[in-house]
Amino acid sequence: MELPFMVRSRCSMVGFGALVKELGLWKALKAGAVSETLPDPFRTLAAADGEGERLSRMQIGPAINLYKALQGDLGTEKALAVVKTVVEAATQPFLKHTVGDVGAEQWRALTDEGRAAFAGVMAEKFFNATGRLGAVSADGFDFTVDRCLFAGLCAGAGVPELAPVFCDGDLHYFSRGPIKLLRTVTLSANGKPCDFRFRIE
């Protein structure tokens, strides 16, 4: 699932806007310029194994290089915090395009088959993850992620500490709408399958 150009552009603009708020315009421009000169963070890995991994590399590669560019000036802890803010901001237009909007009344008006179909289509749009659809009801649905390409790619690029930042982007998006995400463990932080629990308010 290749993201449309307008969605990719929106993600980039929103992310850069967050970087400017964190650092100021000139430091943000410098960080962006330095990150652009860094080599492909996945250059030491084997070629991408399929379309999902290719798209995953395209999506998180810039964040990894931004993190590396910021570490020299800010140190690891501050660089991680800044990239977390940038990723959370850029994740919003991505998830709005991927997930779309669904209200509580609309969800509850669906039949059981309609809810299962919606949940299945939604899960398939996440090209970085593979997992299993669980219980589906009028109150929401469960999805267990058994493999996350983001976690594996961050580890392969030597920045495993960055993987939870992308998980936080999900939580930030779903904290603001009628669909709430509850999650107690993740592959990136706990090494256990992510227990996504989507609940309708």
Protein backbone atom coordinates (compact mmCIF):
# COMPACT_ATOMS: atom_id res chain seq x y z
CA MET A 1 0.00 0.00 0.00
CA GLU A 2 1.93 2.99 -1.31
CA LEU A 3 0.93 6.18 0.49
CA PRO A 4 -0.44 8.89 -1.82
CA PHE A 5 1.93 11.79 -2.44
CA MET A 6 -0.32 14.25 -0.62
CA VAL A 7 -0.39 12.07 2.50
CA ARG A 8 3.38 11.67 2.48
CA SER A 9 3.79 15.41 2.01
CA ARG A 10 1.39 16.14 4.86
CA CYS A 11 3.27 13.77 7.19
CA SER A 12 6.57 15.47 6.31
CA MET A 13 5.21 18.99 6.80
CA VAL A 14 3.56 18.19 10.12
CA GLY A 15 6.69 16.41 11.34
CA PHE A 16 8.92 19.33 10.37
CA GLY A 17 6.55 21.75 12.07
CA ALA A 18 6.90 19.76 15.29
CA LEU A 19 10.70 19.80 14.90
CA VAL A 20 10.67 23.59 14.52
CA LYS A 21 8.60 23.93 17.70
CA GLU A 22 11.13 21.79 19.55
CA LEU A 23 14.35 23.34 18.23
CA GLY A 24 13.55 26.59 16.47
CA LEU A 25 13.70 27.13 12.72
CA TRP A 26 17.46 27.28 12.13
CA LYS A 27 18.34 24.31 14.32
CA ALA A 28 15.51 22.34 12.74
CA LEU A 29 16.80 23.17 9.25
CA LYS A 30 20.31 22.15 10.28
CA ALA A 31 19.12 18.86 11.77
CA GLY A 32 17.11 18.13 8.64
CA ALA A 33 20.07 18.92 6.39
CA VAL A 34 22.43 16.72 8.42
CA SER A 35 19.96 13.83 8.46
CA GLU A 36 19.69 14.04 4.67
CA THR A 37 23.46 13.49 4.33
CA LEU A 38 23.51 10.34 6.47
CA PRO A 39 23.64 6.97 4.71
CA ASP A 40 20.73 4.57 4.47
CA PRO A 41 20.24 3.27 8.03
CA PHE A 42 19.46 -0.20 6.64
CA ARG A 43 22.47 -0.47 4.33
CA THR A 44 24.03 -3.32 6.34
CA LEU A 45 20.83 -5.39 6.25
CA ALA A 46 19.73 -7.80 3.55
CA ALA A 47 17.44 -6.47 0.84
CA ALA A 48 13.88 -5.76 1.92
CA ASP A 49 11.84 -8.94 2.18
CA GLY A 50 8.66 -7.95 0.41
CA GLU A 51 6.57 -4.83 -0.10
CA GLY A 52 5.67 -4.45 3.58
CA GLU A 53 9.31 -4.19 4.60
CA ARG A 54 10.13 -1.85 1.71
CA LEU A 55 7.38 0.53 2.79
CA SER A 56 8.37 0.19 6.45
CA ARG A 57 11.94 1.20 5.62
CA MET A 58 10.68 4.22 3.69
CA GLN A 59 8.48 5.27 6.59
CA ILE A 60 10.88 5.02 9.51
CA GLY A 61 14.24 5.58 7.80
CA PRO A 62 14.00 9.40 7.99
CA ALA A 63 13.15 9.27 11.70
CA ILE A 64 16.15 7.04 12.39
CA ASN A 65 18.49 9.40 10.56
CA LEU A 66 16.98 12.43 12.30
CA TYR A 67 17.60 10.73 15.64
CA LYS A 68 21.23 10.06 14.70
CA ALA A 69 21.68 13.63 13.47
CA LEU A 70 20.36 15.06 16.73
CA GLN A 71 22.38 12.87 19.07
CA GLY A 72 25.61 14.79 18.51
CA ASP A 73 24.16 18.13 19.58
CA LEU A 74 21.50 17.07 22.05
CA GLY A 75 22.64 13.77 23.51
CA THR A 76 20.71 10.53 23.32
CA GLU A 77 17.99 11.27 25.87
CA LYS A 78 17.00 14.67 24.46
CA ALA A 79 17.29 13.45 20.85
CA LEU A 80 14.94 10.59 21.66
CA ALA A 81 12.41 12.98 23.22
CA VAL A 82 12.51 15.32 20.21
CA VAL A 83 12.09 12.50 17.70
CA LYS A 84 9.21 11.12 19.77
CA THR A 85 7.40 14.46 19.42
CA VAL A 86 8.10 14.59 15.68
CA VAL A 87 6.94 11.01 15.10
CA GLU A 88 3.76 11.51 17.12
CA ALA A 89 2.90 14.56 15.01
CA ALA A 90 3.68 12.89 11.68
CA THR A 91 1.75 9.76 12.65
CA GLN A 92 -1.53 11.65 12.86
CA PRO A 93 -2.11 12.28 9.12
CA PHE A 94 -0.77 8.80 8.33
CA LEU A 95 -3.25 7.08 10.63
CA LYS A 96 -6.10 9.36 9.58
CA HIS A 97 -5.52 8.17 6.02
CA THR A 98 -4.96 4.54 7.01
CA VAL A 99 -7.68 4.08 9.61
CA GLY A 100 -10.15 6.79 8.63
CA ASP A 101 -12.93 7.99 10.87
CA VAL A 102 -15.62 5.87 12.43
CA GLY A 103 -17.97 7.02 15.15
CA ALA A 104 -19.43 5.02 18.02
CA GLU A 105 -22.94 5.07 16.56
CA GLN A 106 -21.68 4.02 13.14
CA TRP A 107 -19.72 1.11 14.63
CA ARG A 108 -22.59 -0.13 16.77
CA ALA A 109 -25.01 0.10 13.85
CA LEU A 110 -22.95 -2.44 11.91
CA THR A 111 -23.79 -6.13 11.96
CA ASP A 112 -21.33 -8.57 13.51
CA GLU A 113 -20.18 -9.47 10.01
CA GLY A 114 -19.79 -5.79 9.12
CA ARG A 115 -17.69 -5.09 12.22
CA ALA A 116 -15.46 -8.09 11.54
CA ALA A 117 -14.99 -6.96 7.93
CA PHE A 118 -14.12 -3.41 9.00
CA ALA A 119 -11.66 -4.62 11.63
CA GLY A 120 -10.06 -7.01 9.15
CA VAL A 121 -9.61 -4.33 6.49
CA MET A 122 -8.21 -1.91 9.07
CA ALA A 123 -5.68 -4.48 10.29
CA GLU A 124 -4.54 -5.24 6.75
CA LYS A 125 -3.65 -1.58 6.14
CA PHE A 126 -0.80 -1.75 8.63
CA PHE A 127 1.92 -2.96 6.28
CA ASN A 128 4.50 -3.08 9.07
CA ALA A 129 2.67 -5.64 11.21
CA THR A 130 1.27 -9.13 10.99
CA GLY A 131 -1.06 -10.58 13.54
CA ARG A 132 -4.39 -12.13 14.43
CA LEU A 133 -7.85 -10.63 14.71
CA GLY A 134 -9.50 -11.58 17.99
CA ALA A 135 -12.90 -10.88 19.51
CA VAL A 136 -15.13 -8.40 17.68
CA SER A 137 -18.21 -6.90 19.34
CA ALA A 138 -20.33 -3.76 19.54
CA ASP A 139 -17.79 -2.42 22.04
CA GLY A 140 -14.71 -2.84 19.83
CA PHE A 141 -12.26 -5.48 18.72
CA ASP A 142 -8.94 -7.11 19.63
CA PHE A 143 -5.88 -7.57 17.47
CA THR A 144 -2.65 -9.30 18.45
CA VAL A 145 0.52 -8.30 16.60
CA ASP A 146 2.96 -11.20 16.38
CA ARG A 147 5.55 -9.46 14.21
CA CYS A 148 6.38 -5.79 13.85
CA LEU A 149 8.80 -4.75 11.13
CA PHE A 150 9.47 -1.43 12.85
CA ALA A 151 10.87 -3.18 15.91
CA GLY A 152 13.07 -5.47 13.84
CA LEU A 153 14.31 -2.67 11.58
CA CYS A 154 15.18 -0.40 14.50
CA ALA A 155 17.17 -3.21 16.07
CA GLY A 156 18.89 -3.93 12.75
CA ALA A 157 19.78 -0.25 12.37
CA GLY A 158 21.34 -0.23 15.85
CA VAL A 159 18.66 1.93 17.49
CA PRO A 160 16.30 -0.50 19.29
CA GLU A 161 15.45 2.26 21.78
CA LEU A 162 13.67 4.13 18.98
CA ALA A 163 11.08 1.42 18.27
CA PRO A 164 8.73 2.30 21.19
CA VAL A 165 8.49 5.84 19.80
CA PHE A 166 6.46 4.51 16.87
CA CYS A 167 4.22 2.59 19.28
CA ASP A 168 3.57 5.83 21.18
CA GLY A 169 2.42 7.44 17.94
CA ASP A 170 -0.44 4.93 17.78
CA LEU A 171 -1.51 5.66 21.35
CA HIS A 172 -1.41 9.40 20.73
CA TYR A 173 -3.68 9.14 17.68
CA PHE A 174 -6.29 6.89 19.27
CA SER A 175 -6.39 8.94 22.49
CA ARG A 176 -8.22 11.70 20.62
CA GLY A 177 -11.11 9.95 18.89
CA PRO A 178 -14.06 7.69 19.65
CA ILE A 179 -11.92 4.57 19.16
CA LYS A 180 -9.56 4.17 22.12
CA LEU A 181 -6.51 1.92 22.06
CA LEU A 182 -5.61 -0.07 25.16
CA ARG A 183 -2.32 -1.94 25.17
CA THR A 184 -0.33 -3.51 28.00
CA VAL A 185 2.63 -5.11 26.19
CA THR A 186 4.49 -4.56 22.91
CA LEU A 187 7.16 -6.36 20.94
CA SER A 188 9.38 -3.28 21.07
CA ALA A 189 9.24 -2.72 24.83
CA ASN A 190 8.47 -6.15 26.29
CA GLY A 191 9.42 -8.63 23.59
CA LYS A 192 5.89 -10.04 23.68
CA PRO A 193 3.11 -9.84 21.06
CA CYS A 194 1.35 -6.47 21.13
CA ASP A 195 -2.13 -6.79 22.62
CA PHE A 196 -4.09 -4.15 20.74
CA ARG A 197 -7.52 -3.64 22.28
CA PHE A 198 -9.67 -1.12 20.40
CA ARG A 199 -12.68 0.09 22.36
CA ILE A 200 -15.54 2.34 21.27
CA GLU A 201 -16.47 5.09 23.70
